[in-house]
Amino acid sequence: MVVTSTSKSSASGRFVHVPGRPPGRPRGRRGRRERHWTLASRVLVLQLLVVLVVVVGATAALGWQLRTDTRRDATVEVTDVAAAVAQSPDVRDGLADPASADRAAIDAHVEAVRRATGVYFITVMDRDKIRWTHPDPARIGQPFVGHADEALAGGRVVETYTGTLGPSVRAVLPVRGDDGAVVGAVAVGVATRSVTQDLLDRLPVLVAALALALGLSVAGSWLLSRWVRRRTHGLEPADLTRLWEVNDAVLHSLREGLVVVDPAGRQRVVNDEARRLLPTREDGTLDVPPALQRLLDSAEDVVDDVQVTDDRVLVVSRLDAHWEGRRVGTVVTLRDHTELQALTRDLDAVRGLADALRSQAHESANRLHVVVTLVEQGQPERAVAFATAELAAAQQLTDLVVADVADPAVAALLVGKSAQAAERGVELEVEPDTALADGLLPARDLVTVVGNLVDNAVEAALGAPGPRWVRVRIRGVGERVEVRVTDSGAGLRADDLDLAMQRGWSRKEHRLSPGGAHGLGLALVGQVVRRHGGSVRVEEPVTLDDGGGTLVVELPVGQP
């Protein structure tokens, strides 16, 4: 298999194609022949052959047309001259009354017409086809050589015939008397050599035009062959075939989405993985989300930027491609991190729960030391009272969550988040009317929504003066599950909600920071909401007890 690679010159920054075998490289005798007959050479020879065939064919067609036109012109000429002579009074009267005709005068008149018109011969004959006139006086009185019977019968004869003066194009017309009866005939002819000479006189112009056309065609063919060589970068058909096969195999086998966009923004290359990761329009192009489109339209290269679509988490890299110092397009790679992101969230939840258990173990050890010390000091009643109070406080949240939240994943998440928030100085309260049955929605989606909303609320509470608290209520209301999270922080403006659901939003800075390290949590919440056809809204605080604001997410039950 021929291996194809692409390298980038460190000095010029160009992408250079390096085929497995340099174009035209000889490989034995066959290789020498291939190097001689390059693609450009074959195109040039083919063009020359086509041009030659066209020129030769055009020359033959034009020659034949010119010969036909010349003979037609000669036919018209001899017919007109014969008609004029046949209408001459001297000729008509002489043939009508041969006894009194002045044949010498008729011969002189006809000879004058012949010299004036330049025809080869004019022969006047009677009904017996006996010549009265002829360019050669010795032929006068002899029978006419040719076909005149049809003309003597009232018709006309137009033919090419070899007579006493050689081959000629001739016309024979009848001569009618005053009563309309045919009294003789007139034959007018032009020698075929004069017709040929006329054709030869016109040929130089024809040949010059055809030579000019041939020269222009050869020059065009040569320029075309140079253009083909330049556009193919000197690659031969076999090299182009191998390059296409390798590139096609690579595009189909890549496990990363690949999109190549030209400078005009048109998608030129889209592989199978890219079509799997992004929806496709009816015209076959990718339906790029607005956030990703802004990334493509930017003028800066981007490496490993996280983008959240309706159903996937993608790691996107964007690099401009250059050739010989000019930008030829943009290369975009897409990696699917949806499963990895989900596993990471699950791992974070487990790690948070482990940290919470570790903290609880540490606190339990401290309380146990207090109980032991009180017993050693002979105060068992105070030890029992202290232990009972601490146990009730620690068990209160667990009992409430376990009793009201049937989904074990969500219950464990709330317990863990409560311990984490307590460590950071934030009180996490699960409202008493919380009630969630098991199996209403996928546990992973609920964990994503609840976990990210709580984390976002804890961060907001930490940014505000105390007391710092977060309230959570989860209820299965009819055909919908409602997640309501309120915090004591500064709150989120309703006008900022759409931006907050995008990747890169900073609640602290209230601005969108593309490519930033924060802002993924609410974007993932928005992904779940869009996938389930739900809704998210901001409720402004009414009283001081309502905190800085409330985020409410509603998800329909039974949606995918």
Protein backbone atom coordinates (compact mmCIF):
# COMPACT_ATOMS: atom_id res chain seq x y z
CA MET A 1 0.00 0.00 0.00
CA VAL A 2 1.26 3.48 -0.82
CA VAL A 3 1.40 5.64 2.28
CA THR A 4 0.42 9.28 2.02
CA SER A 5 1.39 11.79 4.64
CA THR A 6 0.98 15.51 5.17
CA SER A 7 3.61 17.61 6.87
CA LYS A 8 3.85 21.28 7.77
CA SER A 9 6.99 23.20 6.97
CA SER A 10 8.30 24.90 10.10
CA ALA A 11 9.93 27.66 8.08
CA SER A 12 7.08 28.70 5.82
CA GLY A 13 4.07 27.37 7.71
CA ARG A 14 2.78 25.59 4.61
CA PHE A 15 1.06 22.25 4.46
CA VAL A 16 3.07 20.10 2.05
CA HIS A 17 1.72 16.93 0.50
CA VAL A 18 4.31 14.16 0.38
CA PRO A 19 3.14 11.20 -1.74
CA GLY A 20 4.54 7.76 -1.21
CA ARG A 21 6.38 7.95 -4.55
CA PRO A 22 7.42 11.27 -6.11
CA PRO A 23 5.47 12.07 -9.29
CA GLY A 24 7.15 10.76 -12.42
CA ARG A 25 9.79 8.84 -10.54
CA PRO A 26 11.20 6.14 -12.85
CA ARG A 27 10.65 2.56 -11.96
CA GLY A 28 12.44 0.45 -14.58
CA ARG A 29 11.48 0.73 -18.22
CA ARG A 30 7.83 1.10 -17.41
CA GLY A 31 8.64 3.93 -15.04
CA ARG A 32 10.57 5.75 -17.76
CA ARG A 33 7.61 5.50 -20.10
CA GLU A 34 5.29 6.82 -17.37
CA ARG A 35 7.59 9.74 -16.75
CA HIS A 36 7.67 10.53 -20.45
CA TRP A 37 3.92 10.30 -20.94
CA THR A 38 2.82 12.57 -18.11
CA LEU A 39 -0.76 13.66 -17.68
CA ALA A 40 0.03 17.07 -19.14
CA SER A 41 1.74 15.43 -22.14
CA ARG A 42 -1.22 13.17 -22.76
CA VAL A 43 -3.62 16.08 -22.52
CA LEU A 44 -1.46 18.06 -24.97
CA VAL A 45 -1.24 15.19 -27.49
CA LEU A 46 -4.95 14.48 -27.21
CA GLN A 47 -5.78 18.13 -27.74
CA LEU A 48 -3.45 18.30 -30.74
CA LEU A 49 -5.05 15.22 -32.29
CA VAL A 50 -8.51 16.63 -31.75
CA VAL A 51 -7.49 19.99 -33.20
CA LEU A 52 -5.81 18.30 -36.18
CA VAL A 53 -8.89 16.20 -36.93
CA VAL A 54 -11.13 19.23 -36.62
CA VAL A 55 -8.89 21.36 -38.85
CA VAL A 56 -8.56 18.65 -41.51
CA GLY A 57 -12.27 17.99 -41.43
CA ALA A 58 -13.05 21.69 -41.57
CA THR A 59 -10.63 22.14 -44.47
CA ALA A 60 -12.23 19.30 -46.44
CA ALA A 61 -15.74 20.57 -45.68
CA LEU A 62 -14.87 24.12 -46.61
CA GLY A 63 -13.08 22.97 -49.77
CA TRP A 64 -16.08 20.92 -50.81
CA GLN A 65 -18.42 23.80 -50.02
CA LEU A 66 -16.20 26.23 -51.93
CA ARG A 67 -16.04 23.89 -54.92
CA THR A 68 -19.83 23.51 -54.87
CA ASP A 69 -20.32 27.26 -54.59
CA THR A 70 -17.89 27.88 -57.45
CA ARG A 71 -19.65 25.39 -59.72
CA ARG A 72 -23.01 26.87 -58.79
CA ASP A 73 -21.75 30.34 -59.62
CA ALA A 74 -20.44 29.06 -62.95
CA THR A 75 -23.78 27.40 -63.69
CA VAL A 76 -25.65 30.61 -62.96
CA GLU A 77 -23.23 32.57 -65.13
CA VAL A 78 -23.48 30.33 -68.22
CA THR A 79 -27.27 30.10 -67.82
CA ASP A 80 -27.64 33.88 -67.70
CA VAL A 81 -25.34 34.37 -70.70
CA ALA A 82 -27.16 31.67 -72.68
CA ALA A 83 -30.53 33.25 -71.86
CA ALA A 84 -29.27 36.68 -72.96
CA VAL A 85 -27.94 35.33 -76.26
CA ALA A 86 -31.13 33.33 -76.85
CA GLN A 87 -33.14 36.59 -76.49
CA SER A 88 -30.90 38.47 -78.95
CA PRO A 89 -33.01 39.58 -82.01
CA ASP A 90 -30.21 38.79 -84.44
CA VAL A 91 -29.97 35.22 -83.18
CA ARG A 92 -33.74 34.68 -83.03
CA ASP A 93 -34.42 36.15 -86.49
CA GLY A 94 -31.47 34.36 -88.04
CA LEU A 95 -32.48 30.91 -86.74
CA ALA A 96 -36.12 31.59 -87.65
CA ASP A 97 -35.17 32.30 -91.30
CA PRO A 98 -31.92 30.46 -92.01
CA ALA A 99 -32.06 31.30 -95.74
CA SER A 100 -31.81 35.03 -95.22
CA ALA A 101 -29.72 34.98 -92.05
CA ASP A 102 -26.43 36.86 -91.90
CA ARG A 103 -24.40 34.20 -90.15
CA ALA A 104 -21.22 36.25 -90.15
CA ALA A 105 -22.97 39.03 -88.27
CA ILE A 106 -24.41 36.56 -85.81
CA ASP A 107 -20.96 35.03 -85.24
CA ALA A 108 -19.43 38.47 -84.72
CA HIS A 109 -22.17 39.43 -82.26
CA VAL A 110 -21.79 36.21 -80.30
CA GLU A 111 -18.00 36.48 -80.23
CA ALA A 112 -18.28 40.01 -78.84
CA VAL A 113 -20.56 38.73 -76.08
CA ARG A 114 -18.13 35.88 -75.30
CA ARG A 115 -15.20 38.23 -74.96
CA ALA A 116 -17.24 40.62 -72.83
CA THR A 117 -18.48 37.95 -70.42
CA GLY A 118 -15.28 35.86 -70.33
CA VAL A 119 -17.02 32.56 -70.92
CA TYR A 120 -15.21 29.67 -72.57
CA PHE A 121 -17.48 29.28 -75.59
CA ILE A 122 -20.85 30.34 -77.02
CA THR A 123 -22.36 28.05 -79.63
CA VAL A 124 -25.49 28.89 -81.59
CA MET A 125 -27.06 25.88 -83.34
CA ASP A 126 -30.09 25.24 -85.43
CA ARG A 127 -32.65 22.53 -84.85
CA ASP A 128 -30.33 20.01 -86.53
CA LYS A 129 -27.63 20.83 -83.89
CA ILE A 130 -25.38 22.35 -86.61
CA ARG A 131 -23.09 24.99 -85.15
CA TRP A 132 -23.49 28.57 -86.47
CA THR A 133 -20.87 30.00 -84.09
CA HIS A 134 -17.81 28.65 -82.31
CA PRO A 135 -14.54 30.11 -80.91
CA ASP A 136 -12.73 27.89 -83.42
CA PRO A 137 -13.98 28.89 -86.92
CA ALA A 138 -13.05 25.43 -88.22
CA ARG A 139 -15.78 23.94 -85.97
CA ILE A 140 -18.54 26.07 -87.50
CA GLY A 141 -20.91 23.99 -89.60
CA GLN A 142 -20.16 20.80 -87.65
CA PRO A 143 -22.59 19.05 -85.33
CA PHE A 144 -22.70 20.18 -81.69
CA VAL A 145 -20.97 17.76 -79.33
CA GLY A 146 -23.09 17.36 -76.24
CA HIS A 147 -26.67 16.93 -75.10
CA ALA A 148 -29.02 19.42 -76.73
CA ASP A 149 -32.14 17.34 -77.45
CA GLU A 150 -33.91 18.45 -74.26
CA ALA A 151 -33.22 22.13 -75.03
CA LEU A 152 -34.45 21.72 -78.63
CA ALA A 153 -37.61 20.20 -77.16
CA GLY A 154 -38.20 23.38 -75.14
CA GLY A 155 -36.36 22.50 -71.92
CA ARG A 156 -32.87 23.28 -70.73
CA VAL A 157 -29.68 21.33 -70.14
CA VAL A 158 -27.10 22.09 -67.43
CA GLU A 159 -24.18 19.68 -67.27
CA THR A 160 -20.45 19.14 -67.03
CA TYR A 161 -19.37 17.68 -70.36
CA THR A 162 -16.14 17.08 -72.27
CA GLY A 163 -16.52 18.51 -75.74
CA THR A 164 -14.17 19.56 -78.51
CA LEU A 165 -12.61 22.23 -76.25
CA GLY A 166 -12.26 19.91 -73.28
CA PRO A 167 -14.32 19.52 -70.09
CA SER A 168 -16.63 22.41 -69.30
CA VAL A 169 -19.64 23.44 -67.25
CA ARG A 170 -22.27 24.27 -69.84
CA ALA A 171 -25.87 25.34 -70.19
CA VAL A 172 -28.00 24.74 -73.31
CA LEU A 173 -31.15 26.85 -73.69
CA PRO A 174 -33.73 26.92 -76.50
CA VAL A 175 -34.14 29.86 -78.92
CA ARG A 176 -37.76 30.66 -79.73
CA GLY A 177 -39.16 32.53 -82.67
CA ASP A 178 -41.83 35.18 -82.55
CA ASP A 179 -44.51 32.51 -82.59
CA GLY A 180 -42.93 30.72 -79.63
CA ALA A 181 -41.70 27.75 -81.60
CA VAL A 182 -38.18 26.46 -80.89
CA VAL A 183 -35.99 27.46 -83.83
CA GLY A 184 -32.59 26.47 -82.35
CA ALA A 185 -30.48 26.46 -79.21
CA VAL A 186 -27.62 28.34 -77.52
CA ALA A 187 -24.88 26.54 -75.58
CA VAL A 188 -22.62 28.54 -73.25
CA GLY A 189 -19.77 26.91 -71.35
CA VAL A 190 -17.02 27.66 -68.85
CA ALA A 191 -13.97 25.40 -68.81
CA THR A 192 -13.63 23.35 -65.61
CA ARG A 193 -10.03 24.42 -65.33
CA SER A 194 -11.19 27.98 -64.88
CA VAL A 195 -13.56 26.81 -62.15
CA THR A 196 -10.67 25.01 -60.47
CA GLN A 197 -8.50 28.08 -60.86
CA ASP A 198 -11.17 30.16 -59.17
CA LEU A 199 -11.19 27.65 -56.33
CA LEU A 200 -7.40 27.80 -56.07
CA ASP A 201 -7.51 31.58 -56.00
CA ARG A 202 -9.70 31.43 -52.91
CA LEU A 203 -7.71 28.74 -51.14
CA PRO A 204 -4.90 30.97 -49.76
CA VAL A 205 -7.36 32.90 -47.61
CA LEU A 206 -8.93 29.66 -46.45
CA VAL A 207 -5.58 28.06 -45.69
CA ALA A 208 -4.39 31.17 -43.81
CA ALA A 209 -7.53 31.19 -41.67
CA LEU A 210 -7.19 27.48 -40.94
CA ALA A 211 -3.48 27.88 -40.13
CA LEU A 212 -4.33 30.68 -37.71
CA ALA A 213 -6.99 28.53 -36.08
CA LEU A 214 -4.54 25.62 -35.83
CA GLY A 215 -1.90 27.85 -34.26
CA LEU A 216 -4.33 29.27 -31.73
CA SER A 217 -5.56 25.76 -30.91
CA VAL A 218 -2.02 24.46 -30.41
CA ALA A 219 -1.20 27.41 -28.16
CA GLY A 220 -4.41 26.86 -26.21
CA SER A 221 -3.64 23.14 -25.85
CA TRP A 222 -0.15 23.91 -24.58
CA LEU A 223 -1.49 26.42 -22.06
CA LEU A 224 -4.12 23.90 -20.98
CA SER A 225 -1.46 21.23 -20.40
CA ARG A 226 0.55 23.68 -18.28
CA TRP A 227 -2.58 24.56 -16.31
CA VAL A 228 -3.33 20.87 -15.71
CA ARG A 229 0.23 20.28 -14.49
CA ARG A 230 0.05 23.28 -12.19
CA ARG A 231 -3.36 22.42 -10.80
CA THR A 232 -2.40 18.80 -10.13
CA HIS A 233 0.98 19.85 -8.64
CA GLY A 234 2.75 17.54 -11.06
CA LEU A 235 0.88 14.45 -9.87
CA GLU A 236 0.11 11.75 -12.39
CA PRO A 237 -3.24 9.92 -12.65
CA ALA A 238 -1.91 6.91 -10.71
CA ASP A 239 -0.68 9.21 -7.94
CA LEU A 240 -4.01 11.05 -7.85
CA THR A 241 -5.87 7.74 -7.66
CA ARG A 242 -3.73 6.47 -4.79
CA LEU A 243 -4.03 9.81 -3.01
CA TRP A 244 -7.83 9.77 -3.33
CA GLU A 245 -8.06 6.17 -2.14
CA VAL A 246 -5.89 6.84 0.90
CA ASN A 247 -7.68 10.08 1.78
CA ASP A 248 -11.08 8.45 1.38
CA ALA A 249 -10.04 5.54 3.59
CA VAL A 250 -8.66 7.90 6.22
CA LEU A 251 -11.78 10.08 6.23
CA HIS A 252 -14.07 7.08 6.71
CA SER A 253 -11.91 5.46 9.38
CA LEU A 254 -11.26 8.54 11.54
CA ARG A 255 -12.98 8.38 14.90
CA GLU A 256 -12.92 12.17 15.07
CA GLY A 257 -15.31 14.38 13.18
CA LEU A 258 -13.56 16.30 10.40
CA VAL A 259 -14.98 19.34 8.60
CA VAL A 260 -13.03 21.36 6.02
CA VAL A 261 -14.47 24.80 5.20
CA ASP A 262 -13.25 26.95 2.30
CA PRO A 263 -12.54 30.70 2.71
CA ALA A 264 -16.11 31.48 1.58
CA GLY A 265 -17.54 29.43 4.46
CA ARG A 266 -18.74 26.49 2.34
CA GLN A 267 -18.31 22.99 3.75
CA ARG A 268 -16.04 21.10 1.36
CA VAL A 269 -15.20 17.92 3.31
CA VAL A 270 -17.38 16.24 5.93
CA ASN A 271 -16.55 12.73 7.16
CA ASP A 272 -18.88 10.09 8.61
CA GLU A 273 -18.07 10.85 12.25
CA ALA A 274 -18.91 14.55 11.80
CA ARG A 275 -22.29 13.59 10.35
CA ARG A 276 -22.89 11.37 13.39
CA LEU A 277 -22.04 14.13 15.84
CA LEU A 278 -23.96 16.97 14.17
CA PRO A 279 -27.35 16.99 12.41
CA THR A 280 -27.42 17.12 8.62
CA ARG A 281 -29.53 19.41 6.44
CA GLU A 282 -31.44 18.30 3.35
CA ASP A 283 -28.65 19.54 1.06
CA GLY A 284 -26.13 17.26 2.82
CA THR A 285 -24.29 19.98 4.77
CA LEU A 286 -24.01 20.02 8.54
CA ASP A 287 -26.43 22.05 10.63
CA VAL A 288 -23.84 23.79 12.80
CA PRO A 289 -25.14 25.18 16.15
CA PRO A 290 -24.78 28.97 16.59
CA ALA A 291 -22.10 28.71 19.30
CA LEU A 292 -20.00 26.42 17.10
CA GLN A 293 -20.62 28.64 14.07
CA ARG A 294 -19.24 31.63 15.97
CA LEU A 295 -16.15 29.58 16.66
CA LEU A 296 -15.77 28.77 12.96
CA ASP A 297 -16.22 32.41 11.97
CA SER A 298 -13.57 33.66 14.37
CA ALA A 299 -10.17 34.61 13.04
CA GLU A 300 -8.17 32.86 15.77
CA ASP A 301 -7.16 29.22 16.02
CA VAL A 302 -8.82 27.28 18.84
CA VAL A 303 -7.58 24.06 20.40
CA ASP A 304 -9.72 21.69 22.52
CA ASP A 305 -12.61 24.05 23.20
CA VAL A 306 -15.63 22.43 24.88
CA GLN A 307 -18.95 23.02 23.09
CA VAL A 308 -22.35 21.79 24.28
CA THR A 309 -25.00 20.93 21.67
CA ASP A 310 -28.54 19.71 22.28
CA ASP A 311 -27.44 16.15 22.93
CA ARG A 312 -23.63 16.06 22.99
CA VAL A 313 -20.55 17.52 24.60
CA LEU A 314 -17.93 18.14 21.90
CA VAL A 315 -14.27 19.08 22.12
CA VAL A 316 -13.60 21.30 19.10
CA SER A 317 -10.34 22.39 17.50
CA ARG A 318 -10.19 24.95 14.71
CA LEU A 319 -7.06 25.61 12.64
CA ASP A 320 -6.56 27.64 9.47
CA ALA A 321 -4.92 25.78 6.57
CA HIS A 322 -2.40 27.68 4.41
CA TRP A 323 -0.74 26.87 1.09
CA GLU A 324 2.14 28.93 -0.29
CA GLY A 325 1.39 31.78 2.09
CA ARG A 326 -2.34 32.05 1.43
CA ARG A 327 -5.26 30.78 3.47
CA VAL A 328 -7.06 27.99 1.63
CA GLY A 329 -9.61 27.06 4.27
CA THR A 330 -10.31 26.00 7.84
CA VAL A 331 -9.96 22.54 9.35
CA VAL A 332 -12.30 21.68 12.23
CA THR A 333 -12.05 18.50 14.30
CA LEU A 334 -14.80 17.28 16.61
CA ARG A 335 -14.34 14.78 19.45
CA ASP A 336 -17.29 13.29 21.28
CA HIS A 337 -16.87 13.70 25.05
CA THR A 338 -20.51 13.10 25.96
CA GLU A 339 -19.94 9.77 27.67
CA LEU A 340 -16.68 10.94 29.19
CA GLN A 341 -18.37 14.05 30.56
CA ALA A 342 -21.17 11.93 32.03
CA LEU A 343 -18.67 9.60 33.64
CA THR A 344 -16.77 12.60 34.97
CA ARG A 345 -19.93 13.98 36.54
CA ASP A 346 -20.67 10.59 38.09
CA LEU A 347 -17.12 10.42 39.40
CA ASP A 348 -17.40 13.93 40.82
CA ALA A 349 -20.62 12.95 42.58
CA VAL A 350 -18.99 9.85 44.04
CA ARG A 351 -15.94 11.84 45.05
CA GLY A 352 -18.16 14.47 46.66
CA LEU A 353 -20.07 11.80 48.53
CA ALA A 354 -16.79 10.26 49.70
CA ASP A 355 -15.57 13.65 50.88
CA ALA A 356 -18.85 14.17 52.69
CA LEU A 357 -18.57 10.78 54.37
CA ARG A 358 -14.99 11.55 55.31
CA SER A 359 -16.07 14.85 56.86
CA GLN A 360 -18.90 13.18 58.69
CA ALA A 361 -16.51 10.53 59.96
CA HIS A 362 -14.18 13.25 61.18
CA GLU A 363 -17.03 15.08 62.93
CA SER A 364 -18.34 11.80 64.35
CA ALA A 365 -14.89 11.07 65.79
CA ASN A 366 -14.85 14.51 67.43
CA ARG A 367 -18.29 13.98 68.91
CA LEU A 368 -17.33 10.49 70.07
CA HIS A 369 -14.32 11.98 71.87
CA VAL A 370 -16.65 14.45 73.62
CA VAL A 371 -18.99 11.62 74.67
CA VAL A 372 -16.10 9.48 75.94
CA THR A 373 -14.61 12.41 77.82
CA LEU A 374 -17.96 13.22 79.48
CA VAL A 375 -18.34 9.55 80.55
CA GLU A 376 -14.80 9.51 81.93
CA GLN A 377 -15.60 12.66 83.89
CA GLY A 378 -18.56 10.92 85.50
CA GLN A 379 -21.25 12.83 83.59
CA PRO A 380 -23.07 10.06 81.70
CA GLU A 381 -26.37 11.99 81.59
CA ARG A 382 -24.76 14.89 79.74
CA ALA A 383 -22.96 12.44 77.44
CA VAL A 384 -26.26 10.75 76.53
CA ALA A 385 -27.98 14.10 75.98
CA PHE A 386 -25.15 15.37 73.78
CA ALA A 387 -25.02 12.17 71.68
CA THR A 388 -28.81 12.11 71.24
CA ALA A 389 -28.95 15.73 70.08
CA GLU A 390 -26.11 15.29 67.61
CA LEU A 391 -27.61 12.08 66.23
CA ALA A 392 -31.00 13.73 65.71
CA ALA A 393 -29.45 16.71 63.90
CA ALA A 394 -27.34 14.48 61.65
CA GLN A 395 -30.20 12.11 60.89
CA GLN A 396 -32.80 14.76 60.20
CA LEU A 397 -31.66 15.57 56.63
CA THR A 398 -31.01 11.92 55.77
CA ASP A 399 -34.44 10.84 57.02
CA LEU A 400 -36.14 13.66 55.10
CA VAL A 401 -34.33 12.92 51.84
CA VAL A 402 -34.72 9.15 52.02
CA ALA A 403 -38.39 9.44 52.90
CA ASP A 404 -39.35 11.95 50.20
CA VAL A 405 -36.88 11.22 47.37
CA ALA A 406 -37.36 7.67 46.12
CA ASP A 407 -34.68 7.96 43.44
CA PRO A 408 -31.52 6.70 45.21
CA ALA A 409 -29.12 8.59 42.97
CA VAL A 410 -30.81 11.92 43.61
CA ALA A 411 -31.12 11.18 47.34
CA ALA A 412 -27.43 10.35 47.62
CA LEU A 413 -26.59 13.49 45.63
CA LEU A 414 -28.55 15.73 47.99
CA VAL A 415 -26.94 14.18 51.08
CA GLY A 416 -23.48 14.59 49.59
CA LYS A 417 -24.11 18.16 48.40
CA SER A 418 -25.43 19.04 51.88
CA ALA A 419 -22.21 17.90 53.50
CA GLN A 420 -20.08 19.69 50.90
CA ALA A 421 -22.05 22.92 51.32
CA ALA A 422 -21.75 22.69 55.10
CA GLU A 423 -17.97 22.40 54.81
CA ARG A 424 -17.93 25.60 52.76
CA GLY A 425 -20.15 27.45 55.21
CA VAL A 426 -23.40 27.19 53.25
CA GLU A 427 -26.54 25.62 54.70
CA LEU A 428 -28.31 23.34 52.20
CA GLU A 429 -31.99 22.92 53.03
CA VAL A 430 -34.28 20.42 51.35
CA GLU A 431 -37.77 21.88 51.58
CA PRO A 432 -40.34 19.74 53.41
CA ASP A 433 -42.74 19.48 50.45
CA THR A 434 -40.08 17.74 48.33
CA ALA A 435 -41.50 14.54 46.82
CA LEU A 436 -40.00 12.54 43.94
CA ALA A 437 -41.02 9.05 42.88
CA ASP A 438 -38.48 6.66 41.43
CA GLY A 439 -38.21 6.12 37.67
CA LEU A 440 -39.96 9.29 36.46
CA LEU A 441 -36.87 10.43 34.54
CA PRO A 442 -33.44 8.96 33.84
CA ALA A 443 -31.34 9.23 36.99
CA ARG A 444 -28.36 10.60 35.08
CA ASP A 445 -30.38 13.54 33.71
CA LEU A 446 -31.84 14.35 37.14
CA VAL A 447 -28.38 14.20 38.71
CA THR A 448 -27.08 16.56 35.99
CA VAL A 449 -29.83 19.10 36.56
CA VAL A 450 -29.94 18.99 40.38
CA GLY A 451 -26.18 18.74 40.86
CA ASN A 452 -25.33 21.66 38.57
CA LEU A 453 -28.11 23.88 39.88
CA VAL A 454 -26.99 23.25 43.49
CA ASP A 455 -23.33 23.86 42.64
CA ASN A 456 -24.25 27.09 40.89
CA ALA A 457 -26.38 28.19 43.87
CA VAL A 458 -23.63 27.39 46.39
CA GLU A 459 -21.15 29.47 44.35
CA ALA A 460 -23.66 32.34 44.26
CA ALA A 461 -24.26 32.11 48.02
CA LEU A 462 -20.53 32.17 48.73
CA GLY A 463 -20.26 35.42 46.79
CA ALA A 464 -22.77 37.20 49.03
CA PRO A 465 -22.64 38.20 52.73
CA GLY A 466 -24.09 35.81 55.33
CA PRO A 467 -26.15 34.09 56.26
CA ARG A 468 -25.46 31.83 53.32
CA TRP A 469 -28.05 29.21 52.39
CA VAL A 470 -29.48 27.21 49.51
CA ARG A 471 -32.99 25.75 49.34
CA VAL A 472 -33.90 22.84 47.09
CA ARG A 473 -37.34 21.51 46.23
CA ILE A 474 -37.98 18.61 43.85
CA ARG A 475 -41.53 17.61 43.06
CA GLY A 476 -43.22 15.35 40.56
CA VAL A 477 -46.18 17.56 39.60
CA GLY A 478 -48.64 15.81 37.27
CA GLU A 479 -46.80 14.88 34.11
CA ARG A 480 -43.80 17.05 34.94
CA VAL A 481 -40.88 17.03 37.35
CA GLU A 482 -40.06 20.43 38.83
CA VAL A 483 -36.64 21.27 40.27
CA ARG A 484 -36.56 24.57 42.17
CA VAL A 485 -33.31 25.94 43.64
CA THR A 486 -33.10 29.21 45.58
CA ASP A 487 -29.95 30.78 47.03
CA SER A 488 -29.00 33.77 49.14
CA GLY A 489 -26.68 35.14 46.52
CA ALA A 490 -27.04 38.13 44.20
CA GLY A 491 -29.33 36.20 41.88
CA LEU A 492 -29.48 35.77 38.09
CA ARG A 493 -31.24 38.35 35.95
CA ALA A 494 -34.01 36.95 33.75
CA ASP A 495 -32.49 38.79 30.78
CA ASP A 496 -29.25 36.86 31.27
CA LEU A 497 -30.88 33.41 31.31
CA ASP A 498 -30.34 32.61 27.60
CA LEU A 499 -26.68 33.58 27.78
CA ALA A 500 -26.25 31.74 31.09
CA MET A 501 -27.30 28.49 29.41
CA GLN A 502 -24.41 28.79 26.93
CA ARG A 503 -20.94 27.40 27.36
CA GLY A 504 -18.58 29.90 28.99
CA TRP A 505 -21.05 32.02 30.98
CA SER A 506 -19.68 33.51 34.19
CA ARG A 507 -22.29 34.29 36.85
CA LYS A 508 -19.74 36.33 38.75
CA GLU A 509 -18.84 38.49 35.74
CA HIS A 510 -22.26 38.33 34.03
CA ARG A 511 -20.65 37.88 30.63
CA LEU A 512 -19.92 35.20 28.06
CA SER A 513 -16.28 34.09 27.90
CA PRO A 514 -15.84 31.68 24.94
CA GLY A 515 -13.12 29.17 25.58
CA GLY A 516 -13.11 29.89 29.32
CA ALA A 517 -12.67 27.21 31.93
CA HIS A 518 -16.05 27.88 33.61
CA GLY A 519 -19.69 27.96 32.55
CA LEU A 520 -20.20 24.30 31.65
CA GLY A 521 -22.73 23.42 34.39
CA LEU A 522 -25.70 25.51 33.25
CA ALA A 523 -24.92 24.62 29.63
CA LEU A 524 -25.33 20.94 30.54
CA VAL A 525 -28.59 21.77 32.31
CA GLY A 526 -29.77 23.49 29.13
CA GLN A 527 -28.78 20.42 27.11
CA VAL A 528 -30.98 18.17 29.30
CA VAL A 529 -33.85 20.66 29.10
CA ARG A 530 -33.70 20.82 25.31
CA ARG A 531 -33.41 17.06 24.97
CA HIS A 532 -36.53 16.47 27.09
CA GLY A 533 -38.50 19.38 25.68
CA GLY A 534 -38.66 21.07 29.07
CA SER A 535 -38.30 24.65 30.21
CA VAL A 536 -36.16 26.76 32.52
CA ARG A 537 -37.03 30.12 34.03
CA VAL A 538 -35.91 32.65 36.62
CA GLU A 539 -38.25 33.83 39.38
CA GLU A 540 -37.38 37.23 40.76
CA PRO A 541 -37.38 37.52 44.61
CA VAL A 542 -40.47 39.05 46.21
CA THR A 543 -39.23 39.39 49.82
CA LEU A 544 -35.84 39.30 51.47
CA ASP A 545 -36.54 35.75 52.60
CA ASP A 546 -36.72 34.70 48.94
CA GLY A 547 -32.99 35.25 48.56
CA GLY A 548 -31.38 36.50 45.39
CA GLY A 549 -33.63 34.59 43.00
CA THR A 550 -34.87 31.15 42.04
CA LEU A 551 -34.04 28.90 39.07
CA VAL A 552 -36.88 26.58 38.11
CA VAL A 553 -36.46 23.67 35.71
CA GLU A 554 -39.46 21.68 34.49
CA LEU A 555 -39.04 18.40 32.63
CA PRO A 556 -41.94 16.43 31.14
CA VAL A 557 -42.25 12.82 32.29
CA GLY A 558 -41.97 10.12 29.66
CA GLN A 559 -39.87 12.13 27.15
CA PRO A 560 -36.62 10.61 25.83
